[in-house]
Every structure is written in C-alpha cells, then in structure tokens.
C-alpha cells in the first residue's frame, strides 16, 4: 500500500473527525464537570453535563463577538460563563435577573422590580439563628446593568455568586446547561454506588 493511499484511507478520515469534534465543542455543545456544591440539589459534585453553546448565539473563540443568537438568557436558565474575577475559570449558576431589573433579597425572598417572585430553585441549609448573625439573606436593591445578568447558585447558603462579586456580562456566557450525561459519586465506598444511575440522562431545569 503506497503512502498516498494510506493518507487517504486513514489519516484524512481521522483529521476530518478531529475537525468535526473541535467544531462541535467550539460552537454547538460542550461537556463540563460540576466541581462544587453551589448548585445542589439541582446539580451535584461529580455530575457531568452538556451545555448548549448555540442557543445564546455562537461565540467566536477568544473574543466577545457572537452571532446567530436564538434567544437571550432568561430567569431560571442555568448557564455556564467565564468567571468575571478570573477569566481562566468557568462558573455555573442560575439566572435570577436580567438587564434593567431591580433585584432585592430580604429574608431569602427575592424581589424583582419590587415584587416577590416564585423561587422553586432556592435551597437553604443554615439554621435561622445562624442567618441572623449574617447579612447574606439581605441584599440590594441593585439594578442589573445593560447587557448583564444577576446569577445565584441554587445552594443559597453555599454559593459564591452575584451577591458577592457582581454581574455577569452576557458576552461571557458560554451556553445553557441542558442534560446530565454521567454522574460519579466519588465519596461512596461502595463500588456499585459510585455511578449515580438515576441521574444519567436527567434534563436540567
């Protein structure tokens, strides 16, 4: 078999497959692993998720330019974004408020534009007497700037989010989390319980 034939039959298909995989990862869907408990119970440490990178517009790598925007991030969406304080890191949180909205939190109740909203996502672990010693259950009011989002983790007592470090620019959003494709319970001593079978294929809401 000559070199040209080897190149055509083996190298070219592999190179094409790699290019397709890179294109999909850059513009369509990307896998992420959940490293912390800030989104519990919705997302647990060891969950492996897929993120739709197309829905909010295709972002040109290493730039803030986007095109083909299908929709804008909405309240309730779980998004992956570039952490504003360290652009080498990706964070995942839930959108609570969008551009121009007034946000205020009192006794763990979220108000948007002076009206308390339903918050089925919030999970609280600390006792009331501990919260009385802290001020995190009171926040704002603040107005979300143009082209920005206010985000919070579902595990409200254990989440570094917009309450601490501010807003997320929409240009930094990588995509919307939509499915758990694998889940690994590293803390389990039982080998059979290492895989959380019930979470596989679970749609993220």
N, C-alpha and C. Protein backbone atom coordinates (compact mmCIF):
# COMPACT_ATOMS: atom_id res chain seq x y z
N UNK A 1 0.86 -1.20 0.00
CA UNK A 1 0.00 0.00 0.00
C UNK A 1 0.89 1.25 0.00
N UNK A 2 0.72 2.12 -0.99
CA UNK A 2 1.58 3.29 -1.07
C UNK A 2 1.15 4.37 -0.07
N UNK A 3 2.04 5.35 0.10
CA UNK A 3 1.82 6.38 1.12
C UNK A 3 0.57 7.21 0.84
N UNK A 4 0.31 7.51 -0.43
CA UNK A 4 -0.87 8.32 -0.78
C UNK A 4 -2.16 7.60 -0.40
N UNK A 5 -2.19 6.29 -0.62
CA UNK A 5 -3.38 5.52 -0.29
C UNK A 5 -3.59 5.45 1.21
N UNK A 6 -2.48 5.28 1.95
CA UNK A 6 -2.57 5.27 3.41
C UNK A 6 -3.10 6.60 3.92
N UNK A 7 -2.57 7.68 3.34
CA UNK A 7 -3.00 9.02 3.74
C UNK A 7 -4.49 9.21 3.50
N UNK A 8 -4.97 8.76 2.36
CA UNK A 8 -6.37 8.94 2.00
C UNK A 8 -7.30 8.08 2.84
N UNK A 9 -6.91 6.85 3.13
CA UNK A 9 -7.80 5.91 3.80
C UNK A 9 -7.79 6.04 5.32
N UNK A 10 -6.71 6.53 5.90
CA UNK A 10 -6.59 6.55 7.35
C UNK A 10 -6.40 7.95 7.94
N UNK A 11 -5.45 8.67 7.44
CA UNK A 11 -5.13 9.97 8.02
C UNK A 11 -6.22 10.99 7.76
N UNK A 12 -6.70 11.07 6.54
CA UNK A 12 -7.72 12.06 6.21
C UNK A 12 -9.02 11.88 7.00
N UNK A 13 -9.56 10.66 7.13
CA UNK A 13 -10.77 10.50 7.94
C UNK A 13 -10.57 10.87 9.41
N UNK A 14 -9.38 10.54 9.95
CA UNK A 14 -9.10 10.88 11.34
C UNK A 14 -9.02 12.40 11.50
N UNK A 15 -8.35 13.05 10.57
CA UNK A 15 -8.24 14.51 10.63
C UNK A 15 -9.61 15.17 10.51
N UNK A 16 -10.45 14.64 9.63
CA UNK A 16 -11.80 15.17 9.47
C UNK A 16 -12.62 14.99 10.73
N UNK A 17 -12.50 13.82 11.37
CA UNK A 17 -13.23 13.56 12.61
C UNK A 17 -12.80 14.51 13.71
N UNK A 18 -11.50 14.77 13.79
CA UNK A 18 -10.99 15.71 14.80
C UNK A 18 -11.52 17.11 14.55
N UNK A 19 -11.54 17.54 13.31
CA UNK A 19 -12.04 18.87 12.97
C UNK A 19 -13.52 19.01 13.31
N UNK A 20 -14.29 17.97 13.03
CA UNK A 20 -15.73 18.00 13.34
C UNK A 20 -15.93 18.07 14.85
N UNK A 21 -15.15 17.28 15.60
CA UNK A 21 -15.25 17.28 17.06
C UNK A 21 -14.90 18.65 17.63
N UNK A 22 -13.87 19.27 17.10
CA UNK A 22 -13.47 20.60 17.56
C UNK A 22 -14.53 21.64 17.23
N UNK A 23 -15.14 21.51 16.07
CA UNK A 23 -16.19 22.45 15.66
C UNK A 23 -17.39 22.32 16.60
N UNK A 24 -17.79 21.07 16.89
CA UNK A 24 -18.93 20.84 17.78
C UNK A 24 -18.65 21.41 19.17
N UNK A 25 -17.44 21.16 19.66
CA UNK A 25 -17.08 21.65 21.00
C UNK A 25 -17.05 23.17 21.05
N UNK A 26 -16.59 23.80 19.98
CA UNK A 26 -16.45 25.25 19.97
C UNK A 26 -17.78 25.97 19.78
N UNK A 27 -18.68 25.38 18.98
CA UNK A 27 -19.87 26.13 18.58
C UNK A 27 -21.21 25.48 18.93
N UNK A 28 -21.26 24.20 19.23
CA UNK A 28 -22.55 23.53 19.39
C UNK A 28 -22.80 23.03 20.80
N UNK A 29 -21.97 22.13 21.29
CA UNK A 29 -22.17 21.56 22.62
C UNK A 29 -20.82 21.28 23.26
N UNK A 30 -20.76 21.43 24.59
CA UNK A 30 -19.51 21.18 25.30
C UNK A 30 -19.82 20.50 26.62
N UNK A 31 -18.92 19.62 27.05
CA UNK A 31 -19.09 18.89 28.30
C UNK A 31 -18.38 19.63 29.44
N UNK A 32 -19.01 19.62 30.61
CA UNK A 32 -18.43 20.21 31.81
C UNK A 32 -18.66 19.27 33.00
N UNK A 33 -17.78 19.34 33.98
CA UNK A 33 -17.93 18.59 35.22
C UNK A 33 -18.25 19.54 36.35
N UNK A 34 -19.19 19.17 37.23
CA UNK A 34 -19.57 20.01 38.36
C UNK A 34 -18.56 19.77 39.50
N UNK A 35 -17.80 20.82 39.89
CA UNK A 35 -16.74 20.64 40.88
C UNK A 35 -17.13 21.00 42.31
N UNK A 36 -18.26 21.71 42.48
CA UNK A 36 -18.61 22.19 43.82
C UNK A 36 -20.09 21.98 44.09
N UNK A 37 -20.48 22.29 45.33
CA UNK A 37 -21.86 22.04 45.76
C UNK A 37 -22.76 23.26 45.62
N UNK A 38 -22.31 24.31 44.92
CA UNK A 38 -23.06 25.56 44.87
C UNK A 38 -24.40 25.45 44.15
N UNK A 39 -24.58 24.42 43.32
CA UNK A 39 -25.84 24.27 42.60
C UNK A 39 -26.69 23.11 43.14
N UNK A 40 -26.31 22.55 44.28
CA UNK A 40 -27.12 21.47 44.86
C UNK A 40 -28.46 22.03 45.32
N UNK A 41 -29.52 21.21 45.28
CA UNK A 41 -29.54 19.81 44.85
C UNK A 41 -29.72 19.60 43.34
N UNK A 42 -29.87 20.68 42.59
CA UNK A 42 -30.09 20.54 41.15
C UNK A 42 -28.93 19.82 40.47
N UNK A 43 -27.73 20.28 40.76
CA UNK A 43 -26.52 19.66 40.22
C UNK A 43 -25.60 19.28 41.38
N UNK A 44 -25.08 18.07 41.35
CA UNK A 44 -24.26 17.57 42.44
C UNK A 44 -22.80 17.45 42.01
N UNK A 45 -21.92 17.49 43.00
CA UNK A 45 -20.49 17.30 42.72
C UNK A 45 -20.30 15.95 42.03
N UNK A 46 -19.62 15.96 40.89
CA UNK A 46 -19.41 14.72 40.14
C UNK A 46 -20.38 14.53 38.99
N UNK A 47 -21.35 15.44 38.84
CA UNK A 47 -22.22 15.40 37.66
C UNK A 47 -21.43 15.87 36.44
N UNK A 48 -21.63 15.18 35.33
CA UNK A 48 -21.05 15.58 34.06
C UNK A 48 -22.20 16.04 33.17
N UNK A 49 -22.12 17.27 32.70
CA UNK A 49 -23.24 17.87 31.98
C UNK A 49 -22.83 18.29 30.58
N UNK A 50 -23.85 18.45 29.73
CA UNK A 50 -23.65 19.02 28.40
C UNK A 50 -24.28 20.41 28.36
N UNK A 51 -23.60 21.31 27.70
CA UNK A 51 -24.04 22.70 27.60
C UNK A 51 -24.30 23.05 26.14
N UNK A 52 -25.48 23.59 25.89
CA UNK A 52 -25.85 24.06 24.55
C UNK A 52 -25.18 25.41 24.30
N UNK A 53 -24.20 25.44 23.41
CA UNK A 53 -23.45 26.67 23.15
C UNK A 53 -24.04 27.48 22.00
N UNK A 54 -25.06 26.94 21.35
CA UNK A 54 -25.64 27.59 20.18
C UNK A 54 -26.81 28.49 20.53
N UNK A 55 -27.53 28.14 21.61
CA UNK A 55 -28.82 28.77 21.89
C UNK A 55 -28.71 30.27 22.14
N UNK A 56 -27.63 30.73 22.77
CA UNK A 56 -27.47 32.16 23.05
C UNK A 56 -26.63 32.86 22.00
N UNK A 57 -26.36 32.18 20.92
CA UNK A 57 -25.53 32.76 19.87
C UNK A 57 -24.17 32.10 19.84
N UNK A 58 -23.61 31.98 18.67
CA UNK A 58 -22.29 31.36 18.50
C UNK A 58 -21.22 32.38 18.85
N UNK A 59 -20.40 32.02 19.83
CA UNK A 59 -19.34 32.92 20.28
C UNK A 59 -18.03 32.55 19.60
N UNK A 60 -17.41 33.51 18.95
CA UNK A 60 -16.12 33.27 18.32
C UNK A 60 -15.07 33.10 19.41
N UNK A 61 -14.36 31.97 19.41
CA UNK A 61 -13.37 31.71 20.47
C UNK A 61 -12.39 32.85 20.67
N UNK A 62 -12.09 33.13 21.96
CA UNK A 62 -11.13 34.16 22.37
C UNK A 62 -11.58 35.58 22.04
N UNK A 63 -12.87 35.73 21.76
CA UNK A 63 -13.43 37.07 21.55
C UNK A 63 -14.76 37.17 22.28
N UNK A 64 -15.33 38.36 22.32
CA UNK A 64 -16.66 38.56 22.91
C UNK A 64 -17.73 38.69 21.83
N UNK A 65 -17.38 38.38 20.59
CA UNK A 65 -18.30 38.52 19.47
C UNK A 65 -19.18 37.29 19.33
N UNK A 66 -20.50 37.52 19.17
CA UNK A 66 -21.45 36.44 18.98
C UNK A 66 -22.33 36.72 17.77
N UNK A 67 -22.83 35.65 17.15
CA UNK A 67 -23.78 35.79 16.06
C UNK A 67 -24.73 34.61 16.07
N UNK A 68 -25.80 34.68 15.27
CA UNK A 68 -26.85 33.65 15.21
C UNK A 68 -27.51 33.43 16.57
N UNK A 69 -27.81 34.52 17.27
CA UNK A 69 -28.43 34.40 18.59
C UNK A 69 -29.87 33.89 18.46
N UNK A 70 -30.17 32.77 19.10
CA UNK A 70 -31.52 32.20 19.08
C UNK A 70 -32.40 32.86 20.13
N UNK A 71 -31.86 33.06 21.33
CA UNK A 71 -32.59 33.69 22.43
C UNK A 71 -31.59 34.27 23.41
N UNK A 72 -32.09 35.09 24.31
CA UNK A 72 -31.25 35.66 25.36
C UNK A 72 -31.45 34.85 26.65
N UNK A 73 -30.46 34.85 27.54
CA UNK A 73 -30.64 34.17 28.82
C UNK A 73 -31.85 34.72 29.57
N UNK A 74 -32.62 33.82 30.16
CA UNK A 74 -33.84 34.21 30.88
C UNK A 74 -33.76 33.75 32.32
N UNK A 75 -34.61 34.35 33.16
CA UNK A 75 -34.67 33.94 34.55
C UNK A 75 -34.98 32.44 34.64
N UNK A 76 -34.19 31.74 35.43
CA UNK A 76 -34.38 30.31 35.59
C UNK A 76 -33.40 29.47 34.79
N UNK A 77 -32.79 30.05 33.77
CA UNK A 77 -31.80 29.31 32.97
C UNK A 77 -30.55 29.03 33.82
N UNK A 78 -30.01 27.84 33.68
CA UNK A 78 -28.72 27.52 34.30
C UNK A 78 -27.66 27.69 33.22
N UNK A 79 -26.72 28.58 33.48
CA UNK A 79 -25.74 28.94 32.45
C UNK A 79 -24.31 28.67 32.92
N UNK A 80 -23.45 28.39 31.94
CA UNK A 80 -22.01 28.32 32.17
C UNK A 80 -21.41 29.60 31.59
N UNK A 81 -20.54 30.23 32.36
CA UNK A 81 -19.98 31.52 31.93
C UNK A 81 -18.55 31.66 32.42
N UNK A 82 -17.85 32.61 31.83
CA UNK A 82 -16.48 32.92 32.26
C UNK A 82 -16.56 33.74 33.55
N UNK A 83 -15.90 33.26 34.57
CA UNK A 83 -15.92 33.92 35.88
C UNK A 83 -15.31 35.31 35.77
N UNK A 84 -16.05 36.36 36.14
CA UNK A 84 -15.57 37.73 35.94
C UNK A 84 -14.27 38.05 36.67
N UNK A 85 -14.03 37.40 37.80
CA UNK A 85 -12.84 37.70 38.60
C UNK A 85 -11.61 36.91 38.17
N UNK A 86 -11.81 35.88 37.37
CA UNK A 86 -10.70 35.07 36.88
C UNK A 86 -11.13 34.41 35.58
N UNK A 87 -10.74 34.98 34.46
CA UNK A 87 -11.24 34.54 33.17
C UNK A 87 -10.70 33.18 32.73
N UNK A 88 -9.83 32.60 33.54
CA UNK A 88 -9.35 31.25 33.24
C UNK A 88 -10.31 30.19 33.79
N UNK A 89 -11.33 30.62 34.54
CA UNK A 89 -12.27 29.68 35.16
C UNK A 89 -13.66 29.82 34.57
N UNK A 90 -14.38 28.70 34.52
CA UNK A 90 -15.79 28.69 34.14
C UNK A 90 -16.63 28.45 35.38
N UNK A 91 -17.72 29.20 35.52
CA UNK A 91 -18.67 29.02 36.62
C UNK A 91 -20.01 28.59 36.06
N UNK A 92 -20.82 27.99 36.92
CA UNK A 92 -22.19 27.63 36.53
C UNK A 92 -23.14 28.12 37.62
N UNK A 93 -24.15 28.89 37.22
CA UNK A 93 -25.13 29.44 38.15
C UNK A 93 -26.48 29.55 37.44
N UNK A 94 -27.48 29.98 38.18
CA UNK A 94 -28.82 30.18 37.61
C UNK A 94 -29.10 31.67 37.45
N UNK A 95 -29.68 32.02 36.32
CA UNK A 95 -30.05 33.42 36.07
C UNK A 95 -31.24 33.78 36.96
N UNK A 96 -31.09 34.86 37.70
CA UNK A 96 -32.16 35.35 38.57
C UNK A 96 -32.77 36.63 38.03
N UNK A 97 -31.94 37.50 37.46
CA UNK A 97 -32.45 38.76 36.92
C UNK A 97 -31.65 39.15 35.69
N UNK A 98 -32.29 39.91 34.81
CA UNK A 98 -31.67 40.32 33.55
C UNK A 98 -31.59 41.84 33.46
N UNK A 99 -31.06 42.30 32.36
CA UNK A 99 -30.81 43.72 32.13
C UNK A 99 -31.98 44.62 32.53
N UNK A 100 -31.67 45.64 33.34
CA UNK A 100 -32.66 46.65 33.71
C UNK A 100 -33.54 46.29 34.88
N UNK A 101 -33.46 45.08 35.39
CA UNK A 101 -34.33 44.66 36.50
C UNK A 101 -33.72 45.05 37.85
N UNK A 102 -34.61 45.38 38.77
CA UNK A 102 -34.20 45.75 40.13
C UNK A 102 -34.27 44.50 41.01
N UNK A 103 -33.17 44.20 41.69
CA UNK A 103 -33.08 42.98 42.50
C UNK A 103 -32.91 43.34 43.97
N UNK A 104 -33.69 42.67 44.79
CA UNK A 104 -33.54 42.84 46.23
C UNK A 104 -33.85 41.51 46.92
N UNK A 105 -33.08 41.18 47.95
CA UNK A 105 -33.30 39.95 48.71
C UNK A 105 -33.47 40.30 50.17
N UNK A 106 -34.58 39.83 50.76
CA UNK A 106 -34.86 40.04 52.17
C UNK A 106 -35.39 38.74 52.75
N UNK A 107 -34.73 38.26 53.80
CA UNK A 107 -35.11 37.01 54.46
C UNK A 107 -35.29 35.89 53.43
N UNK A 108 -34.34 35.84 52.53
CA UNK A 108 -34.28 34.80 51.48
C UNK A 108 -35.38 34.90 50.43
N UNK A 109 -36.17 35.94 50.47
CA UNK A 109 -37.20 36.18 49.45
C UNK A 109 -36.63 37.12 48.39
N UNK A 110 -36.75 36.72 47.13
CA UNK A 110 -36.21 37.52 46.04
C UNK A 110 -37.30 38.40 45.45
N UNK A 111 -37.01 39.69 45.38
CA UNK A 111 -37.94 40.64 44.74
C UNK A 111 -37.31 41.15 43.45
N UNK A 112 -38.10 41.14 42.40
CA UNK A 112 -37.69 41.71 41.12
C UNK A 112 -38.65 42.84 40.80
N UNK A 113 -38.09 44.03 40.65
CA UNK A 113 -38.91 45.23 40.40
C UNK A 113 -39.98 45.39 41.48
N UNK A 114 -39.56 45.17 42.74
CA UNK A 114 -40.39 45.37 43.94
C UNK A 114 -41.51 44.35 44.09
N UNK A 115 -41.44 43.25 43.38
CA UNK A 115 -42.43 42.19 43.53
C UNK A 115 -41.72 40.88 43.83
N UNK A 116 -42.16 40.19 44.91
CA UNK A 116 -41.56 38.91 45.28
C UNK A 116 -41.88 37.88 44.19
N UNK A 117 -40.85 37.19 43.73
CA UNK A 117 -41.04 36.19 42.68
C UNK A 117 -41.06 34.78 43.28
N UNK A 118 -41.62 33.85 42.55
CA UNK A 118 -41.54 32.45 42.94
C UNK A 118 -40.10 31.99 42.76
N UNK A 119 -39.61 31.25 43.74
CA UNK A 119 -38.22 30.79 43.70
C UNK A 119 -38.18 29.29 44.05
N UNK A 120 -38.59 28.44 43.10
CA UNK A 120 -38.60 27.00 43.37
C UNK A 120 -37.20 26.39 43.41
N UNK A 121 -36.19 27.17 43.03
CA UNK A 121 -34.83 26.63 42.92
C UNK A 121 -34.02 26.76 44.20
N UNK A 122 -34.34 27.73 45.05
CA UNK A 122 -33.53 28.03 46.22
C UNK A 122 -33.52 26.91 47.24
N UNK A 123 -32.31 26.56 47.70
CA UNK A 123 -32.13 25.51 48.72
C UNK A 123 -31.33 26.13 49.86
N UNK A 124 -31.85 25.96 51.10
CA UNK A 124 -31.23 26.59 52.26
C UNK A 124 -30.89 25.54 53.31
N UNK A 125 -29.67 25.63 53.85
CA UNK A 125 -29.21 24.64 54.80
C UNK A 125 -28.96 25.20 56.19
N UNK A 126 -28.56 26.46 56.26
CA UNK A 126 -28.22 27.04 57.56
C UNK A 126 -29.48 27.31 58.39
N UNK A 127 -29.34 27.16 59.69
CA UNK A 127 -30.46 27.41 60.59
C UNK A 127 -30.73 28.90 60.69
N UNK A 128 -31.94 29.26 61.12
CA UNK A 128 -32.34 30.66 61.18
C UNK A 128 -31.45 31.48 62.12
N UNK A 129 -31.00 30.87 63.24
CA UNK A 129 -30.21 31.64 64.19
C UNK A 129 -28.82 31.97 63.64
N UNK A 130 -28.29 31.09 62.78
CA UNK A 130 -27.01 31.39 62.13
C UNK A 130 -27.20 32.51 61.12
N UNK A 131 -28.30 32.48 60.40
CA UNK A 131 -28.57 33.53 59.40
C UNK A 131 -28.72 34.90 60.05
N UNK A 132 -29.21 34.92 61.28
CA UNK A 132 -29.39 36.19 61.97
C UNK A 132 -28.04 36.87 62.25
N UNK A 133 -26.98 36.06 62.30
CA UNK A 133 -25.65 36.61 62.54
C UNK A 133 -24.97 37.06 61.25
N UNK A 134 -25.62 36.78 60.13
CA UNK A 134 -25.04 37.10 58.84
C UNK A 134 -25.96 38.06 58.09
N UNK A 135 -25.45 38.65 57.03
CA UNK A 135 -26.24 39.62 56.27
C UNK A 135 -26.57 39.13 54.87
N UNK A 136 -26.15 37.88 54.52
CA UNK A 136 -26.30 37.42 53.15
C UNK A 136 -27.76 37.20 52.76
N UNK A 137 -28.67 37.05 53.76
CA UNK A 137 -30.08 36.89 53.41
C UNK A 137 -30.72 38.24 53.13
N UNK A 138 -29.91 39.30 53.19
CA UNK A 138 -30.37 40.64 52.81
C UNK A 138 -29.41 41.20 51.78
N UNK A 139 -29.95 41.62 50.66
CA UNK A 139 -29.10 42.11 49.58
C UNK A 139 -29.86 43.14 48.76
N UNK A 140 -29.13 44.18 48.34
CA UNK A 140 -29.71 45.16 47.44
C UNK A 140 -30.50 46.23 48.15
N UNK A 141 -31.28 46.98 47.36
CA UNK A 141 -31.58 46.75 45.93
C UNK A 141 -30.45 47.20 45.00
N UNK A 142 -30.36 46.50 43.86
CA UNK A 142 -29.43 46.87 42.80
C UNK A 142 -30.16 46.77 41.46
N UNK A 143 -29.70 47.53 40.49
CA UNK A 143 -30.24 47.47 39.14
C UNK A 143 -29.23 46.73 38.26
N UNK A 144 -29.70 45.73 37.55
CA UNK A 144 -28.82 44.97 36.66
C UNK A 144 -28.44 45.85 35.47
N UNK A 145 -27.13 46.05 35.24
CA UNK A 145 -26.71 46.93 34.13
C UNK A 145 -27.05 46.36 32.76
N UNK A 146 -26.90 47.18 31.77
CA UNK A 146 -27.13 46.79 30.37
C UNK A 146 -26.21 45.61 30.01
N UNK A 147 -26.77 44.68 29.24
CA UNK A 147 -26.02 43.51 28.76
C UNK A 147 -25.43 42.69 29.90
N UNK A 148 -26.13 42.64 31.03
CA UNK A 148 -25.62 41.92 32.19
C UNK A 148 -26.68 41.02 32.80
N UNK A 149 -26.25 40.11 33.69
CA UNK A 149 -27.13 39.18 34.37
C UNK A 149 -26.77 39.12 35.85
N UNK A 150 -27.78 38.89 36.66
CA UNK A 150 -27.58 38.63 38.09
C UNK A 150 -27.82 37.14 38.29
N UNK A 151 -26.82 36.44 38.81
CA UNK A 151 -26.90 34.98 38.91
C UNK A 151 -26.68 34.52 40.35
N UNK A 152 -27.28 33.38 40.69
CA UNK A 152 -27.11 32.80 42.01
C UNK A 152 -27.04 31.28 41.90
N UNK A 153 -26.35 30.66 42.87
CA UNK A 153 -26.36 29.22 42.96
C UNK A 153 -27.62 28.75 43.66
N UNK A 154 -28.11 27.57 43.33
CA UNK A 154 -29.32 27.06 43.98
C UNK A 154 -29.08 26.77 45.46
N UNK A 155 -27.86 26.40 45.81
CA UNK A 155 -27.49 26.17 47.21
C UNK A 155 -27.14 27.52 47.83
N UNK A 156 -28.16 28.27 48.20
CA UNK A 156 -28.00 29.68 48.53
C UNK A 156 -27.07 29.95 49.71
N UNK A 157 -26.96 29.00 50.63
CA UNK A 157 -26.09 29.20 51.79
C UNK A 157 -24.64 28.81 51.50
N UNK A 158 -24.37 28.31 50.30
CA UNK A 158 -23.01 27.87 49.97
C UNK A 158 -22.73 28.14 48.50
N UNK A 159 -22.84 29.41 48.13
CA UNK A 159 -22.63 29.77 46.73
C UNK A 159 -21.99 31.15 46.63
N UNK A 160 -20.83 31.21 45.98
CA UNK A 160 -20.23 32.48 45.63
C UNK A 160 -20.83 32.91 44.29
N UNK A 161 -21.60 33.98 44.32
CA UNK A 161 -22.33 34.39 43.11
C UNK A 161 -22.44 35.90 43.03
N UNK A 162 -23.44 36.40 42.31
CA UNK A 162 -23.55 37.84 42.08
C UNK A 162 -23.73 38.65 43.35
N UNK A 163 -24.16 38.01 44.42
CA UNK A 163 -24.27 38.71 45.70
C UNK A 163 -22.90 39.14 46.22
N UNK A 164 -21.86 38.42 45.80
CA UNK A 164 -20.51 38.67 46.30
C UNK A 164 -19.63 39.41 45.29
N UNK A 165 -19.68 38.99 44.02
CA UNK A 165 -18.73 39.54 43.06
C UNK A 165 -19.37 40.27 41.89
N UNK A 166 -20.66 40.47 41.91
CA UNK A 166 -21.27 41.33 40.90
C UNK A 166 -21.93 40.59 39.74
N UNK A 167 -22.04 41.27 38.63
CA UNK A 167 -22.84 40.81 37.49
C UNK A 167 -22.01 40.05 36.46
N UNK A 168 -22.73 39.31 35.60
CA UNK A 168 -22.11 38.57 34.50
C UNK A 168 -22.48 39.26 33.20
N UNK A 169 -21.51 39.62 32.41
CA UNK A 169 -21.80 40.20 31.10
C UNK A 169 -22.28 39.09 30.17
N UNK A 170 -23.30 39.36 29.38
CA UNK A 170 -23.86 38.32 28.51
C UNK A 170 -22.83 37.80 27.49
N UNK A 171 -21.84 38.61 27.18
CA UNK A 171 -20.81 38.18 26.24
C UNK A 171 -19.93 37.08 26.83
N UNK A 172 -19.95 36.94 28.17
CA UNK A 172 -19.14 35.92 28.84
C UNK A 172 -19.87 34.59 28.99
N UNK A 173 -21.15 34.55 28.59
CA UNK A 173 -21.94 33.33 28.73
C UNK A 173 -21.55 32.33 27.64
N UNK A 174 -21.20 31.12 28.05
CA UNK A 174 -20.80 30.09 27.09
C UNK A 174 -21.98 29.27 26.59
N UNK A 175 -23.00 29.11 27.43
CA UNK A 175 -24.15 28.33 26.99
C UNK A 175 -25.07 27.94 28.13
N UNK A 176 -26.10 27.20 27.78
CA UNK A 176 -27.13 26.77 28.74
C UNK A 176 -26.97 25.28 29.01
N UNK A 177 -26.91 24.93 30.30
CA UNK A 177 -26.82 23.52 30.70
C UNK A 177 -28.16 22.85 30.41
N UNK A 178 -28.12 21.64 29.80
CA UNK A 178 -29.40 21.03 29.46
C UNK A 178 -29.53 19.56 29.82
N UNK A 179 -28.44 18.82 30.07
CA UNK A 179 -28.60 17.40 30.41
C UNK A 179 -27.39 16.90 31.20
N UNK A 180 -27.66 15.97 32.13
CA UNK A 180 -26.60 15.25 32.84
C UNK A 180 -26.37 13.95 32.09
N UNK A 181 -25.17 13.78 31.55
CA UNK A 181 -24.92 12.55 30.78
C UNK A 181 -24.18 11.49 31.59
N UNK A 182 -23.61 11.90 32.74
CA UNK A 182 -22.94 10.94 33.62
C UNK A 182 -22.84 11.56 35.01
N UNK A 183 -22.81 10.73 36.04
CA UNK A 183 -22.69 11.24 37.41
C UNK A 183 -21.90 10.25 38.24
N UNK A 184 -20.85 10.75 38.90
CA UNK A 184 -19.92 9.91 39.65
C UNK A 184 -19.87 10.36 41.11
N UNK A 185 -20.22 9.46 42.01
CA UNK A 185 -20.21 9.75 43.44
C UNK A 185 -18.88 9.30 44.03
N UNK A 186 -17.91 10.19 44.01
CA UNK A 186 -16.57 9.85 44.47
C UNK A 186 -16.49 9.55 45.95
N UNK A 187 -17.48 10.02 46.71
CA UNK A 187 -17.44 9.81 48.16
C UNK A 187 -17.97 8.47 48.61
N UNK A 188 -18.58 7.73 47.72
CA UNK A 188 -19.16 6.43 48.09
C UNK A 188 -18.06 5.38 48.21
N UNK A 189 -18.16 4.56 49.27
CA UNK A 189 -17.20 3.48 49.47
C UNK A 189 -17.60 2.22 48.73
N UNK A 190 -18.87 2.16 48.35
CA UNK A 190 -19.39 1.00 47.62
C UNK A 190 -19.21 1.22 46.12
N UNK A 191 -18.45 0.33 45.49
CA UNK A 191 -18.16 0.48 44.07
C UNK A 191 -19.42 0.53 43.23
N UNK A 192 -20.44 -0.24 43.62
CA UNK A 192 -21.69 -0.27 42.85
C UNK A 192 -22.45 1.04 42.94
N UNK A 193 -22.18 1.81 44.00
CA UNK A 193 -22.88 3.09 44.19
C UNK A 193 -22.09 4.28 43.65
N UNK A 194 -20.94 4.03 43.06
CA UNK A 194 -20.12 5.12 42.54
C UNK A 194 -20.84 5.87 41.41
N UNK A 195 -21.52 5.13 40.56
CA UNK A 195 -22.28 5.75 39.47
C UNK A 195 -23.68 6.03 39.96
N UNK A 196 -24.12 7.27 39.84
CA UNK A 196 -25.49 7.63 40.21
C UNK A 196 -26.38 7.37 39.00
N UNK A 197 -26.82 6.14 38.87
CA UNK A 197 -27.54 5.71 37.67
C UNK A 197 -28.81 6.52 37.43
N UNK A 198 -29.47 6.91 38.51
CA UNK A 198 -30.73 7.63 38.37
C UNK A 198 -30.59 9.03 37.80
N UNK A 199 -29.36 9.55 37.79
CA UNK A 199 -29.14 10.91 37.28
C UNK A 199 -28.75 10.92 35.80
N UNK A 200 -28.38 9.76 35.27
CA UNK A 200 -27.95 9.70 33.87
C UNK A 200 -29.11 10.03 32.91
N UNK A 201 -28.87 10.97 32.02
CA UNK A 201 -29.89 11.39 31.07
C UNK A 201 -30.91 12.34 31.66
N UNK A 202 -30.65 12.84 32.86
CA UNK A 202 -31.61 13.74 33.53
C UNK A 202 -31.53 15.14 32.92
N UNK A 203 -32.68 15.66 32.47
CA UNK A 203 -32.73 17.01 31.91
C UNK A 203 -32.61 18.03 33.02
N UNK A 204 -31.81 19.06 32.79
CA UNK A 204 -31.53 20.08 33.80
C UNK A 204 -32.55 21.21 33.71
N UNK A 205 -33.17 21.49 34.84
CA UNK A 205 -34.17 22.56 34.88
C UNK A 205 -33.93 23.44 36.10
